[in-house]
Amino acid sequence: MRSLLALPLLAPAIFSCTSAALLPLNAHDDVELTPLPLVIWHGLGDDYGREGLKAVAKLAEETNPGTYVHIVKLGNTADQDREATFFGNVTIQLEQVCAQLAKEPILSTAPAVNALGFSQGGQFLRAYIQRCNFPPVRNLVTFGSQHNGISKFQSCGVRGDWLCRGSEALLRLGRWSTFVQSRVVPAQYFRDPEEIPQYLKHSNFLADINNEREVKNETYKHNLMKLNKFAMYVFEDDVTVVPKESGFFGEKNMTTGHVTPLKERTLYKEDWLGLQALDNQGKLDFRTVPGEHMQVSEKNLASAFKEYFGPIEIEEEFSIQSPVLVVQN
């Protein structure tokens, strides 16, 4: 289920971050408006050095001048970062990202940040909010993410891609084994409605982060409800994410094809994650964009950046309490 970011309308660009990222924008005579820093987490098969991600960072800065962009990376090199999208324990990776963002000088001193997740990076950023959330996230936007997991593994499309083929082989051999659940990233958000008992017992990541087990983690709900906006984008022609409705927390019966939308699920009705509370406050947005998985246009990205990552009046908006940290067992 590869998610290499394709931006057909964007020219590749080199992006550099500077400490001038938080300079105020004077939209009105007496009001200082400032764009918050933006954290981006890419998807499966990508790495922090990709030209597509650099183009996204450049577009974010051009759309909201002064935006400081931080691209999440796991590993010291682009190759190591890409490998980490296929192999690794997601719980440990999240701990590393929590530490990474907490010690980054600009992010850690900002009143809040915005977050943009592509494909699996979307549910990982949501997990970041639920488990640590320092620096705290104001608005979370996800494109083509798998918030309710995947019910099917996609075959690798590139010959010689040993990372993809290696993970695919392990996935098909035993997705519920401890070995695979602690090492193969896509297995950790696999969720087949026909295999719920195995999923609840063995899932290393998604069953926990979606609060589906009997004992609920109230901190997850508490932290997610702090969001000002949670916007989920699904691609109309997505055949990579199965089911694509997962991007809206939808559950699909793969035998009958019936889709149970979020608002009809127990997860929403009993508000395990605070999604109902966010929705009742007008803070939960469901958006659909044309195209296949991660075939996102400059126009759609810029529109999202303007709506969710635009400059705000910092002093008036923020009275953020200290976040609650979660230690994952």
C-alpha atoms as a PDB file:
ATOM      1  CA  MET A   1       0.000   0.000   0.000  1.00  0.00           C
ATOM      2  CA  ARG A   2       2.556   2.497  -1.133  1.00  0.00           C
ATOM      3  CA  SER A   3       1.850   6.185  -0.794  1.00  0.00           C
ATOM      4  CA  LEU A   4       4.543   7.994  -2.708  1.00  0.00           C
ATOM      5  CA  LEU A   5       3.365  11.579  -2.775  1.00  0.00           C
ATOM      6  CA  ALA A   6       2.655  12.746  -6.316  1.00  0.00           C
ATOM      7  CA  LEU A   7       2.215  16.439  -6.987  1.00  0.00           C
ATOM      8  CA  PRO A   8       1.767  16.724 -10.755  1.00  0.00           C
ATOM      9  CA  LEU A   9       1.225  20.469 -10.669  1.00  0.00           C
ATOM     10  CA  LEU A  10       4.162  21.332  -8.436  1.00  0.00           C
ATOM     11  CA  ALA A  11       7.704  21.898  -9.620  1.00  0.00           C
ATOM     12  CA  PRO A  12      10.384  20.373  -7.354  1.00  0.00           C
ATOM     13  CA  ALA A  13      11.875  22.947  -5.031  1.00  0.00           C
ATOM     14  CA  ILE A  14      14.519  23.125  -2.343  1.00  0.00           C
ATOM     15  CA  PHE A  15      13.105  24.273   0.995  1.00  0.00           C
ATOM     16  CA  SER A  16      15.034  25.547   3.963  1.00  0.00           C
ATOM     17  CA  CYS A  17      13.755  26.449   7.412  1.00  0.00           C
ATOM     18  CA  THR A  18      14.865  29.534   9.268  1.00  0.00           C
ATOM     19  CA  SER A  19      14.218  30.993  12.682  1.00  0.00           C
ATOM     20  CA  ALA A  20      12.259  33.793  10.998  1.00  0.00           C
ATOM     21  CA  ALA A  21       9.319  31.446  10.642  1.00  0.00           C
ATOM     22  CA  LEU A  22       7.269  33.065  13.377  1.00  0.00           C
ATOM     23  CA  LEU A  23       7.413  36.670  12.217  1.00  0.00           C
ATOM     24  CA  PRO A  24       3.974  38.310  12.521  1.00  0.00           C
ATOM     25  CA  LEU A  25       1.773  39.070   9.532  1.00  0.00           C
ATOM     26  CA  ASN A  26      -0.073  42.346   9.946  1.00  0.00           C
ATOM     27  CA  ALA A  27      -3.388  41.664   8.281  1.00  0.00           C
ATOM     28  CA  HIS A  28      -5.017  44.480  10.256  1.00  0.00           C
ATOM     29  CA  ASP A  29      -3.588  47.649  11.751  1.00  0.00           C
ATOM     30  CA  ASP A  30      -3.783  46.574  15.380  1.00  0.00           C
ATOM     31  CA  VAL A  31      -3.835  42.767  15.120  1.00  0.00           C
ATOM     32  CA  GLU A  32      -0.753  40.605  14.694  1.00  0.00           C
ATOM     33  CA  LEU A  33      -1.453  37.355  12.857  1.00  0.00           C
ATOM     34  CA  THR A  34       1.072  34.542  12.921  1.00  0.00           C
ATOM     35  CA  PRO A  35       1.179  31.172  11.134  1.00  0.00           C
ATOM     36  CA  LEU A  36       1.914  28.283  13.450  1.00  0.00           C
ATOM     37  CA  PRO A  37       4.724  25.838  12.626  1.00  0.00           C
ATOM     38  CA  LEU A  38       3.644  22.895  10.479  1.00  0.00           C
ATOM     39  CA  VAL A  39       4.625  19.272  11.154  1.00  0.00           C
ATOM     40  CA  ILE A  40       4.386  16.834   8.218  1.00  0.00           C
ATOM     41  CA  TRP A  41       4.491  13.037   8.482  1.00  0.00           C
ATOM     42  CA  HIS A  42       4.780  11.231   5.156  1.00  0.00           C
ATOM     43  CA  GLY A  43       3.448   7.844   4.127  1.00  0.00           C
ATOM     44  CA  LEU A  44       4.590   4.329   3.303  1.00  0.00           C
ATOM     45  CA  GLY A  45       7.506   4.191   0.866  1.00  0.00           C
ATOM     46  CA  ASP A  46       8.370   7.888   1.176  1.00  0.00           C
ATOM     47  CA  ASP A  47      11.250   9.601   2.951  1.00  0.00           C
ATOM     48  CA  TYR A  48      11.943  13.092   4.248  1.00  0.00           C
ATOM     49  CA  GLY A  49      14.211  13.934   1.311  1.00  0.00           C
ATOM     50  CA  ARG A  50      11.666  13.430  -1.478  1.00  0.00           C
ATOM     51  CA  GLU A  51      11.224  16.287  -3.911  1.00  0.00           C
ATOM     52  CA  GLY A  52       7.450  15.987  -3.531  1.00  0.00           C
ATOM     53  CA  LEU A  53       7.683  16.686   0.196  1.00  0.00           C
ATOM     54  CA  LYS A  54      10.030  19.587  -0.396  1.00  0.00           C
ATOM     55  CA  ALA A  55       7.463  20.983  -2.822  1.00  0.00           C
ATOM     56  CA  VAL A  56       4.726  20.605  -0.185  1.00  0.00           C
ATOM     57  CA  ALA A  57       6.860  22.466   2.345  1.00  0.00           C
ATOM     58  CA  LYS A  58       7.500  25.242  -0.171  1.00  0.00           C
ATOM     59  CA  LEU A  59       3.786  25.505  -0.976  1.00  0.00           C
ATOM     60  CA  ALA A  60       2.939  25.724   2.730  1.00  0.00           C
ATOM     61  CA  GLU A  61       5.344  28.653   3.114  1.00  0.00           C
ATOM     62  CA  GLU A  62       4.118  30.373  -0.042  1.00  0.00           C
ATOM     63  CA  THR A  63       0.464  29.969   0.958  1.00  0.00           C
ATOM     64  CA  ASN A  64       1.015  31.228   4.509  1.00  0.00           C
ATOM     65  CA  PRO A  65       4.289  33.197   4.477  1.00  0.00           C
ATOM     66  CA  GLY A  66       6.409  32.713   7.549  1.00  0.00           C
ATOM     67  CA  THR A  67       5.367  29.093   8.128  1.00  0.00           C
ATOM     68  CA  TYR A  68       8.118  26.963   9.657  1.00  0.00           C
ATOM     69  CA  VAL A  69       7.917  23.402   8.343  1.00  0.00           C
ATOM     70  CA  HIS A  70       9.248  20.319  10.090  1.00  0.00           C
ATOM     71  CA  ILE A  71       9.153  16.975   8.253  1.00  0.00           C
ATOM     72  CA  VAL A  72       9.161  13.984  10.576  1.00  0.00           C
ATOM     73  CA  LYS A  73      12.049  11.616   9.986  1.00  0.00           C
ATOM     74  CA  LEU A  74      13.055   8.317  11.520  1.00  0.00           C
ATOM     75  CA  GLY A  75      16.724   7.614  10.932  1.00  0.00           C
ATOM     76  CA  ASN A  76      19.763   9.657  10.015  1.00  0.00           C
ATOM     77  CA  THR A  77      19.447   9.161   6.262  1.00  0.00           C
ATOM     78  CA  ALA A  78      16.651   9.194   3.725  1.00  0.00           C
ATOM     79  CA  ASP A  79      17.129   5.452   3.141  1.00  0.00           C
ATOM     80  CA  GLN A  80      16.755   4.739   6.848  1.00  0.00           C
ATOM     81  CA  ASP A  81      13.667   6.938   6.996  1.00  0.00           C
ATOM     82  CA  ARG A  82      12.083   5.056   4.085  1.00  0.00           C
ATOM     83  CA  GLU A  83      12.935   1.704   5.646  1.00  0.00           C
ATOM     84  CA  ALA A  84      11.179   2.812   8.839  1.00  0.00           C
ATOM     85  CA  THR A  85       7.916   3.217   6.902  1.00  0.00           C
ATOM     86  CA  PHE A  86       7.959  -0.555   6.252  1.00  0.00           C
ATOM     87  CA  PHE A  87       9.777  -2.026   9.253  1.00  0.00           C
ATOM     88  CA  GLY A  88       9.705  -1.059  12.907  1.00  0.00           C
ATOM     89  CA  ASN A  89       7.564  -1.029  16.016  1.00  0.00           C
ATOM     90  CA  VAL A  90       5.102   1.847  15.607  1.00  0.00           C
ATOM     91  CA  THR A  91       4.850   2.345  19.362  1.00  0.00           C
ATOM     92  CA  ILE A  92       8.618   2.846  19.593  1.00  0.00           C
ATOM     93  CA  GLN A  93       8.618   5.057  16.493  1.00  0.00           C
ATOM     94  CA  LEU A  94       5.968   7.262  18.083  1.00  0.00           C
ATOM     95  CA  GLU A  95       8.053   7.612  21.216  1.00  0.00           C
ATOM     96  CA  GLN A  96      10.958   8.727  19.027  1.00  0.00           C
ATOM     97  CA  VAL A  97       8.818  11.297  17.217  1.00  0.00           C
ATOM     98  CA  CYS A  98       7.400  12.605  20.498  1.00  0.00           C
ATOM     99  CA  ALA A  99      10.965  13.149  21.701  1.00  0.00           C
ATOM    100  CA  GLN A 100      12.013  14.614  18.336  1.00  0.00           C
ATOM    101  CA  LEU A 101       9.307  17.274  18.319  1.00  0.00           C
ATOM    102  CA  ALA A 102       9.606  18.064  22.029  1.00  0.00           C
ATOM    103  CA  LYS A 103      13.281  18.991  21.713  1.00  0.00           C
ATOM    104  CA  GLU A 104      13.095  20.853  18.372  1.00  0.00           C
ATOM    105  CA  PRO A 105      13.796  24.502  19.363  1.00  0.00           C
ATOM    106  CA  ILE A 106      11.121  26.264  17.307  1.00  0.00           C
ATOM    107  CA  LEU A 107       8.398  23.645  17.700  1.00  0.00           C
ATOM    108  CA  SER A 108       8.878  23.194  21.429  1.00  0.00           C
ATOM    109  CA  THR A 109       8.645  26.919  22.129  1.00  0.00           C
ATOM    110  CA  ALA A 110       5.648  27.620  19.887  1.00  0.00           C
ATOM    111  CA  PRO A 111       2.233  27.906  21.583  1.00  0.00           C
ATOM    112  CA  ALA A 112       1.027  25.137  19.273  1.00  0.00           C
ATOM    113  CA  VAL A 113       1.682  23.563  15.871  1.00  0.00           C
ATOM    114  CA  ASN A 114      -0.423  22.394  12.962  1.00  0.00           C
ATOM    115  CA  ALA A 115      -0.071  18.857  11.618  1.00  0.00           C
ATOM    116  CA  LEU A 116      -0.382  17.364   8.124  1.00  0.00           C
ATOM    117  CA  GLY A 117      -0.394  13.591   7.646  1.00  0.00           C
ATOM    118  CA  PHE A 118      -0.133  11.811   4.314  1.00  0.00           C
ATOM    119  CA  SER A 119      -1.476   8.253   4.167  1.00  0.00           C
ATOM    120  CA  GLN A 120      -0.216   6.274   7.189  1.00  0.00           C
ATOM    121  CA  GLY A 121       1.402   9.449   8.510  1.00  0.00           C
ATOM    122  CA  GLY A 122      -2.123  10.680   9.244  1.00  0.00           C
ATOM    123  CA  GLN A 123      -3.030   8.043  11.791  1.00  0.00           C
ATOM    124  CA  PHE A 124       0.478   8.281  13.244  1.00  0.00           C
ATOM    125  CA  LEU A 125       0.071  12.027  13.839  1.00  0.00           C
ATOM    126  CA  ARG A 126      -3.296  11.380  15.449  1.00  0.00           C
ATOM    127  CA  ALA A 127      -1.562   8.861  17.710  1.00  0.00           C
ATOM    128  CA  TYR A 128       1.048  11.510  18.519  1.00  0.00           C
ATOM    129  CA  ILE A 129      -1.737  13.825  19.681  1.00  0.00           C
ATOM    130  CA  GLN A 130      -3.367  11.115  21.773  1.00  0.00           C
ATOM    131  CA  ARG A 131      -0.164   9.836  23.398  1.00  0.00           C
ATOM    132  CA  CYS A 132       2.002  12.895  24.010  1.00  0.00           C
ATOM    133  CA  ASN A 133       0.862  16.084  22.230  1.00  0.00           C
ATOM    134  CA  PHE A 134       3.813  18.293  23.113  1.00  0.00           C
ATOM    135  CA  PRO A 135       4.102  20.568  21.323  1.00  0.00           C
ATOM    136  CA  PRO A 136       0.291  20.575  21.185  1.00  0.00           C
ATOM    137  CA  VAL A 137      -1.472  20.350  17.824  1.00  0.00           C
ATOM    138  CA  ARG A 138      -4.080  22.976  16.938  1.00  0.00           C
ATOM    139  CA  ASN A 139      -5.338  21.634  13.593  1.00  0.00           C
ATOM    140  CA  LEU A 140      -4.834  18.123  12.211  1.00  0.00           C
ATOM    141  CA  VAL A 141      -5.315  17.457   8.480  1.00  0.00           C
ATOM    142  CA  THR A 142      -4.966  13.981   6.963  1.00  0.00           C
ATOM    143  CA  PHE A 143      -4.942  12.941   3.308  1.00  0.00           C
ATOM    144  CA  GLY A 144      -5.747   9.346   2.320  1.00  0.00           C
ATOM    145  CA  SER A 145      -5.091   8.019   5.810  1.00  0.00           C
ATOM    146  CA  GLN A 146      -6.208   4.710   7.313  1.00  0.00           C
ATOM    147  CA  HIS A 147      -7.859   5.805  10.565  1.00  0.00           C
ATOM    148  CA  ASN A 148      -9.881   2.596  10.735  1.00  0.00           C
ATOM    149  CA  GLY A 149      -7.081   0.478   9.346  1.00  0.00           C
ATOM    150  CA  ILE A 150      -6.830  -1.591   6.177  1.00  0.00           C
ATOM    151  CA  SER A 151      -8.555  -4.856   5.297  1.00  0.00           C
ATOM    152  CA  LYS A 152      -6.283  -5.788   2.414  1.00  0.00           C
ATOM    153  CA  PHE A 153      -2.577  -5.609   1.708  1.00  0.00           C
ATOM    154  CA  GLN A 154      -1.599  -4.198  -1.672  1.00  0.00           C
ATOM    155  CA  SER A 155       0.971  -5.943  -3.841  1.00  0.00           C
ATOM    156  CA  CYS A 156       4.248  -4.161  -4.474  1.00  0.00           C
ATOM    157  CA  GLY A 157       4.311  -2.419  -7.803  1.00  0.00           C
ATOM    158  CA  VAL A 158       8.036  -1.838  -8.266  1.00  0.00           C
ATOM    159  CA  ARG A 159      10.364  -4.666  -9.154  1.00  0.00           C
ATOM    160  CA  GLY A 160      13.425  -4.935  -6.998  1.00  0.00           C
ATOM    161  CA  ASP A 161      11.892  -3.006  -4.087  1.00  0.00           C
ATOM    162  CA  TRP A 162      13.114  -5.396  -1.410  1.00  0.00           C
ATOM    163  CA  LEU A 163      11.671  -3.317   1.433  1.00  0.00           C
ATOM    164  CA  CYS A 164       8.168  -3.525   0.049  1.00  0.00           C
ATOM    165  CA  ARG A 165       8.455  -7.157  -0.997  1.00  0.00           C
ATOM    166  CA  GLY A 166       9.996  -8.173   2.295  1.00  0.00           C
ATOM    167  CA  SER A 167       7.220  -6.572   4.314  1.00  0.00           C
ATOM    168  CA  GLU A 168       4.598  -8.015   1.959  1.00  0.00           C
ATOM    169  CA  ALA A 169       5.940 -11.525   2.443  1.00  0.00           C
ATOM    170  CA  LEU A 170       5.849 -11.215   6.236  1.00  0.00           C
ATOM    171  CA  LEU A 171       2.347  -9.755   6.159  1.00  0.00           C
ATOM    172  CA  ARG A 172       0.982 -12.698   4.242  1.00  0.00           C
ATOM    173  CA  LEU A 173       2.780 -15.276   6.369  1.00  0.00           C
ATOM    174  CA  GLY A 174       1.293 -14.291   9.727  1.00  0.00           C
ATOM    175  CA  ARG A 175      -0.109 -10.849  10.336  1.00  0.00           C
ATOM    176  CA  TRP A 176      -1.227 -11.634  13.913  1.00  0.00           C
ATOM    177  CA  SER A 177       2.055 -13.110  15.074  1.00  0.00           C
ATOM    178  CA  THR A 178       4.018 -11.191  17.693  1.00  0.00           C
ATOM    179  CA  PHE A 179       6.993 -11.113  15.334  1.00  0.00           C
ATOM    180  CA  VAL A 180       5.075  -9.383  12.527  1.00  0.00           C
ATOM    181  CA  GLN A 181       3.038  -7.103  14.807  1.00  0.00           C
ATOM    182  CA  SER A 182       6.200  -5.736  16.383  1.00  0.00           C
ATOM    183  CA  ARG A 183       8.187  -5.332  13.170  1.00  0.00           C
ATOM    184  CA  VAL A 184       6.035  -4.740  10.068  1.00  0.00           C
ATOM    185  CA  VAL A 185       4.443  -1.299  10.035  1.00  0.00           C
ATOM    186  CA  PRO A 186       1.337  -1.907   7.820  1.00  0.00           C
ATOM    187  CA  ALA A 187       0.434  -5.001   9.881  1.00  0.00           C
ATOM    188  CA  GLN A 188       0.066  -2.762  12.902  1.00  0.00           C
ATOM    189  CA  TYR A 189      -2.913  -0.966  11.364  1.00  0.00           C
ATOM    190  CA  PHE A 190      -4.486  -4.014   9.702  1.00  0.00           C
ATOM    191  CA  ARG A 191      -8.125  -4.424  10.704  1.00  0.00           C
ATOM    192  CA  ASP A 192     -10.493  -6.897   9.056  1.00  0.00           C
ATOM    193  CA  PRO A 193     -14.068  -6.724  10.443  1.00  0.00           C
ATOM    194  CA  GLU A 194     -14.205 -10.519  10.090  1.00  0.00           C
ATOM    195  CA  GLU A 195     -11.140 -10.967  12.313  1.00  0.00           C
ATOM    196  CA  ILE A 196     -11.990  -8.656  15.225  1.00  0.00           C
ATOM    197  CA  PRO A 197     -11.160 -11.158  18.021  1.00  0.00           C
ATOM    198  CA  GLN A 198      -7.627 -11.683  16.621  1.00  0.00           C
ATOM    199  CA  TYR A 199      -7.279  -7.959  16.013  1.00  0.00           C
ATOM    200  CA  LEU A 200      -8.256  -6.950  19.544  1.00  0.00           C
ATOM    201  CA  LYS A 201      -5.942  -9.566  21.027  1.00  0.00           C
ATOM    202  CA  HIS A 202      -2.861  -9.063  18.882  1.00  0.00           C
ATOM    203  CA  SER A 203      -2.910  -5.573  17.294  1.00  0.00           C
ATOM    204  CA  ASN A 204       0.196  -3.682  18.390  1.00  0.00           C
ATOM    205  CA  PHE A 205      -1.073  -0.223  17.420  1.00  0.00           C
ATOM    206  CA  LEU A 206      -4.495   0.457  15.934  1.00  0.00           C
ATOM    207  CA  ALA A 207      -6.705  -1.373  18.442  1.00  0.00           C
ATOM    208  CA  ASP A 208      -5.078   0.667  21.185  1.00  0.00           C
ATOM    209  CA  ILE A 209      -5.011   4.042  19.477  1.00  0.00           C
ATOM    210  CA  ASN A 210      -8.668   3.683  18.414  1.00  0.00           C
ATOM    211  CA  ASN A 211      -9.619   2.799  22.012  1.00  0.00           C
ATOM    212  CA  GLU A 212     -11.358  -0.381  20.876  1.00  0.00           C
ATOM    213  CA  ARG A 213     -10.340  -2.602  23.749  1.00  0.00           C
ATOM    214  CA  GLU A 214     -12.583  -3.001  26.790  1.00  0.00           C
ATOM    215  CA  VAL A 215     -10.538  -0.710  29.028  1.00  0.00           C
ATOM    216  CA  LYS A 216     -10.560   2.782  27.515  1.00  0.00           C
ATOM    217  CA  ASN A 217      -7.720   5.267  27.732  1.00  0.00           C
ATOM    218  CA  GLU A 218      -9.392   8.528  28.728  1.00  0.00           C
ATOM    219  CA  THR A 219      -6.214  10.490  28.002  1.00  0.00           C
ATOM    220  CA  TYR A 220      -6.555   9.639  24.308  1.00  0.00           C
ATOM    221  CA  LYS A 221     -10.023  11.180  24.255  1.00  0.00           C
ATOM    222  CA  HIS A 222      -8.955  14.144  26.376  1.00  0.00           C
ATOM    223  CA  ASN A 223      -6.011  15.005  24.128  1.00  0.00           C
ATOM    224  CA  LEU A 224      -7.877  14.599  20.826  1.00  0.00           C
ATOM    225  CA  MET A 225     -10.707  16.814  22.039  1.00  0.00           C
ATOM    226  CA  LYS A 226      -8.197  19.667  22.400  1.00  0.00           C
ATOM    227  CA  LEU A 227      -8.051  19.990  18.601  1.00  0.00           C
ATOM    228  CA  ASN A 228      -9.459  23.132  17.064  1.00  0.00           C
ATOM    229  CA  LYS A 229     -10.071  21.248  13.786  1.00  0.00           C
ATOM    230  CA  PHE A 230      -9.665  17.668  12.587  1.00  0.00           C
ATOM    231  CA  ALA A 231     -10.051  17.499   8.793  1.00  0.00           C
ATOM    232  CA  MET A 232      -9.975  14.169   6.947  1.00  0.00           C
ATOM    233  CA  TYR A 233      -9.519  14.047   3.166  1.00  0.00           C
ATOM    234  CA  VAL A 234     -10.362  10.912   1.146  1.00  0.00           C
ATOM    235  CA  PHE A 235      -9.467  10.413  -2.527  1.00  0.00           C
ATOM    236  CA  GLU A 236     -12.460   9.593  -4.737  1.00  0.00           C
ATOM    237  CA  ASP A 237     -10.597   7.039  -6.866  1.00  0.00           C
ATOM    238  CA  ASP A 238      -8.413   5.546  -4.140  1.00  0.00           C
ATOM    239  CA  VAL A 239      -7.839   1.819  -4.735  1.00  0.00           C
ATOM    240  CA  THR A 240      -4.615   1.683  -2.714  1.00  0.00           C
ATOM    241  CA  VAL A 241      -6.258   2.082   0.682  1.00  0.00           C
ATOM    242  CA  VAL A 242      -8.735  -0.762   1.154  1.00  0.00           C
ATOM    243  CA  PRO A 243     -11.249   0.324   2.175  1.00  0.00           C
ATOM    244  CA  LYS A 244     -10.833   3.984   1.281  1.00  0.00           C
ATOM    245  CA  GLU A 245     -13.665   4.813   3.719  1.00  0.00           C
ATOM    246  CA  SER A 246     -11.132   4.143   6.472  1.00  0.00           C
ATOM    247  CA  GLY A 247     -10.007   7.741   5.918  1.00  0.00           C
ATOM    248  CA  PHE A 248     -13.325   8.807   7.505  1.00  0.00           C
ATOM    249  CA  PHE A 249     -13.246   6.080  10.206  1.00  0.00           C
ATOM    250  CA  GLY A 250     -15.753   4.123   8.106  1.00  0.00           C
ATOM    251  CA  GLU A 251     -16.021   0.337   8.398  1.00  0.00           C
ATOM    252  CA  LYS A 252     -16.632  -1.761   5.283  1.00  0.00           C
ATOM    253  CA  ASN A 253     -17.873  -5.331   5.113  1.00  0.00           C
ATOM    254  CA  MET A 254     -15.555  -6.755   2.451  1.00  0.00           C
ATOM    255  CA  THR A 255     -18.017  -9.539   1.643  1.00  0.00           C
ATOM    256  CA  THR A 256     -21.194  -7.499   1.152  1.00  0.00           C
ATOM    257  CA  GLY A 257     -19.589  -4.144   0.397  1.00  0.00           C
ATOM    258  CA  HIS A 258     -21.756  -2.427   3.019  1.00  0.00           C
ATOM    259  CA  VAL A 259     -20.116   0.608   4.599  1.00  0.00           C
ATOM    260  CA  THR A 260     -20.931   1.663   8.157  1.00  0.00           C
ATOM    261  CA  PRO A 261     -20.063   5.363   8.434  1.00  0.00           C
ATOM    262  CA  LEU A 262     -18.429   6.757  11.536  1.00  0.00           C
ATOM    263  CA  LYS A 263     -21.612   8.234  13.002  1.00  0.00           C
ATOM    264  CA  GLU A 264     -23.305   4.820  12.984  1.00  0.00           C
ATOM    265  CA  ARG A 265     -20.434   3.067  14.753  1.00  0.00           C
ATOM    266  CA  THR A 266     -20.138   2.383  18.473  1.00  0.00           C
ATOM    267  CA  LEU A 267     -16.775   4.172  18.438  1.00  0.00           C
ATOM    268  CA  TYR A 268     -18.699   7.387  17.711  1.00  0.00           C
ATOM    269  CA  LYS A 269     -21.911   6.725  19.657  1.00  0.00           C
ATOM    270  CA  GLU A 270     -20.029   5.946  22.873  1.00  0.00           C
ATOM    271  CA  ASP A 271     -17.404   8.567  21.954  1.00  0.00           C
ATOM    272  CA  TRP A 272     -14.329   6.444  22.663  1.00  0.00           C
ATOM    273  CA  LEU A 273     -12.018   9.064  21.074  1.00  0.00           C
ATOM    274  CA  GLY A 274     -13.943  12.306  21.494  1.00  0.00           C
ATOM    275  CA  LEU A 275     -14.891  12.400  17.804  1.00  0.00           C
ATOM    276  CA  GLN A 276     -18.569  12.936  18.609  1.00  0.00           C
ATOM    277  CA  ALA A 277     -17.657  15.834  20.888  1.00  0.00           C
ATOM    278  CA  LEU A 278     -15.496  17.397  18.158  1.00  0.00           C
ATOM    279  CA  ASP A 279     -18.282  16.881  15.622  1.00  0.00           C
ATOM    280  CA  ASN A 280     -20.893  18.503  17.873  1.00  0.00           C
ATOM    281  CA  GLN A 281     -18.630  21.556  18.131  1.00  0.00           C
ATOM    282  CA  GLY A 282     -18.193  21.783  14.360  1.00  0.00           C
ATOM    283  CA  LYS A 283     -14.545  20.739  14.615  1.00  0.00           C
ATOM    284  CA  LEU A 284     -14.689  17.523  12.554  1.00  0.00           C
ATOM    285  CA  ASP A 285     -14.540  17.925   8.760  1.00  0.00           C
ATOM    286  CA  PHE A 286     -15.012  15.216   6.111  1.00  0.00           C
ATOM    287  CA  ARG A 287     -13.642  16.186   2.701  1.00  0.00           C
ATOM    288  CA  THR A 288     -13.388  14.319  -0.612  1.00  0.00           C
ATOM    289  CA  VAL A 289     -10.929  15.229  -3.373  1.00  0.00           C
ATOM    290  CA  PRO A 290     -10.621  13.814  -6.893  1.00  0.00           C
ATOM    291  CA  GLY A 291      -7.885  11.428  -7.928  1.00  0.00           C
ATOM    292  CA  GLU A 292      -6.123   8.266  -6.889  1.00  0.00           C
ATOM    293  CA  HIS A 293      -4.213   7.698  -3.660  1.00  0.00           C
ATOM    294  CA  MET A 294      -1.906  10.648  -2.951  1.00  0.00           C
ATOM    295  CA  GLN A 295      -2.428  12.147  -6.421  1.00  0.00           C
ATOM    296  CA  VAL A 296      -3.058  15.485  -4.777  1.00  0.00           C
ATOM    297  CA  SER A 297      -3.010  18.734  -6.720  1.00  0.00           C
ATOM    298  CA  GLU A 298      -1.432  22.038  -5.773  1.00  0.00           C
ATOM    299  CA  LYS A 299      -4.888  23.626  -5.856  1.00  0.00           C
ATOM    300  CA  ASN A 300      -6.359  21.225  -3.295  1.00  0.00           C
ATOM    301  CA  LEU A 301      -3.332  21.418  -1.036  1.00  0.00           C
ATOM    302  CA  ALA A 302      -3.212  25.213  -1.132  1.00  0.00           C
ATOM    303  CA  SER A 303      -6.921  25.340  -0.337  1.00  0.00           C
ATOM    304  CA  ALA A 304      -6.394  23.120   2.712  1.00  0.00           C
ATOM    305  CA  PHE A 305      -3.397  25.192   3.799  1.00  0.00           C
ATOM    306  CA  LYS A 306      -5.411  28.413   3.613  1.00  0.00           C
ATOM    307  CA  GLU A 307      -8.360  26.975   5.508  1.00  0.00           C
ATOM    308  CA  TYR A 308      -6.557  25.106   8.267  1.00  0.00           C
ATOM    309  CA  PHE A 309      -3.022  26.478   8.517  1.00  0.00           C
ATOM    310  CA  GLY A 310      -3.572  30.190   7.997  1.00  0.00           C
ATOM    311  CA  PRO A 311      -2.158  32.845  10.364  1.00  0.00           C
ATOM    312  CA  ILE A 312      -4.002  33.391  13.632  1.00  0.00           C
ATOM    313  CA  GLU A 313      -3.936  35.840  16.532  1.00  0.00           C
ATOM    314  CA  ILE A 314      -1.729  33.970  18.974  1.00  0.00           C
ATOM    315  CA  GLU A 315      -2.292  35.937  22.198  1.00  0.00           C
ATOM    316  CA  GLU A 316      -6.082  35.893  21.939  1.00  0.00           C
ATOM    317  CA  GLU A 317      -6.440  32.226  21.013  1.00  0.00           C
ATOM    318  CA  PHE A 318      -4.080  30.339  23.272  1.00  0.00           C
ATOM    319  CA  SER A 319      -4.365  29.540  26.921  1.00  0.00           C
ATOM    320  CA  ILE A 320      -3.096  25.991  26.482  1.00  0.00           C
ATOM    321  CA  GLN A 321      -2.729  23.845  29.565  1.00  0.00           C
ATOM    322  CA  SER A 322       0.224  21.552  30.060  1.00  0.00           C
ATOM    323  CA  PRO A 323      -0.299  18.355  28.049  1.00  0.00           C
ATOM    324  CA  VAL A 324      -0.875  14.994  29.646  1.00  0.00           C
ATOM    325  CA  LEU A 325       1.870  12.550  28.726  1.00  0.00           C
ATOM    326  CA  VAL A 326       1.038   8.902  28.151  1.00  0.00           C
ATOM    327  CA  VAL A 327       3.365   6.034  28.885  1.00  0.00           C
ATOM    328  CA  GLN A 328       2.488   3.187  26.535  1.00  0.00           C
ATOM    329  CA  ASN A 329       2.826  -0.261  28.060  1.00  0.00           C
END
